Amino acid sequence: MSTDLLQSVPLPKTSLPVVIFGAGSIVTDAHLPAYARLGFSVAGLYDPDQAKAQAVAAKAGTRAFATMAEATALGLGAVYDLATPPAAHMGLLEALPDGAVCIIQKPMGSDLAEADRIIRICRAKGLKAAVNFQLRFAPAMLALKDAIAQGLLGQVVDVDGLLAVDTPWHLWAFLADLPRVEILLHSIHYLDTIRDILGNPMGVHARTMGHPSSTVSNTRTAMILDYGQTVRCALSINHNHSFGRRFQACEFRIGGTKGAAYVQLGVNLDYPKGEPDELWLNTGAGWEQVPLVGIWFIEAFLGRFTQVMRFAVGEDPALHGSAEDAWHTMALVEAAYESAALPAHPIKGAPDA
């Protein structure tokens, strides 16, 4: 059973060269290694910091473009990878050739208003854009979705997410002054993956907050996604569980009418060292571990980039995780922050004597 589950996206027979915008750590740690493993040619990269761009390009054996015009000279003959901060997305999308295939680094803007502007740019220019919400392409998540599609769990009725880890926020100095961190930059992956499995919820109840030990604005979140009277979906996210590895967790439990699944996302455990991902299924005969072909980082990037390329060369008719779809993830994030800003339902006081 477990060996028959889909865990990767088939490579296309042909490919286009890739042009990367950005030369930060996500490019060196994930994007360039992923393209190398896939055998996709990187035509070059562009970053306003030319010294950084040239250093990264030299190490990767590719070219550092000096200008935006050089970076877009291939026209529709390339896939454009915007591995940039949200503030840079709109300007880069405006500069791309009309009709180009591109992938936008998550999040899709810093808030829903920016996501609105991004989607309007993509529509006006006819851009075929995907967003790099790549968790849905991790081997464990692809296999889980395939198991659900095959009916192995029956109807999904419960989704529980538990994160109790000690995230080293100090590694990302730019987070210190951001008003939105935990949901927008971390749990957004879980929300996008849950949407991929269950569809759009009708609403969300949320509370997000910081921690006395941290200067980051929000590092702990509780969320309930409203899917009506049949499906229960709840997330408990705590990045400040700093009491040793033993009882830390990064796991999801999915319950159905016929079976259940358990997923561990190991990258968040003992970060940045990490641990293996795990997928377990119980379809009525006890728990069985599914052997996985890889983990979230970087195998999920392989799946994300491969699907974009398959679409770009005409081997897939649809672009999965498109900007149009990703907008709904951004809308869910926005709703979560709006919910978190509202007071809780009040509890009535005791009656008068």
Foldseek 3Di string as FASTA:
>chain_A
DLVPFDQFDDFDPDFFEEEEEDQDPCCVFAVLVLCVVSVHHHQAYEYPPQVSRCVSCVVSVHYYDPDLCVSQVCAQRYEYEYPDPLVCQLVNLLSHQQQHEYEAEPDNHPALVSLVSNVVSCVVSVYFYFYPLLQCNGRQNSRVLRCVVVCLQPAWAEKEWEFQAADPVVVPVVQLPDQDDPVRPPVLSVLLSVCVRPNFAPAKAKAFAPDPVDSGGTQWMWMWGHRDDGHTYIYTGHNHNPPDQPPGFGKMWIHGPQWIKIWGQFCRRPPPVTDFIWMWICRPPDIDTRDGPGHVPHSSVNRQVSLSRCVSVVNDVDRPNTSVSSSSSSVRSNRNVVNNPDDDDDDDDDDDD
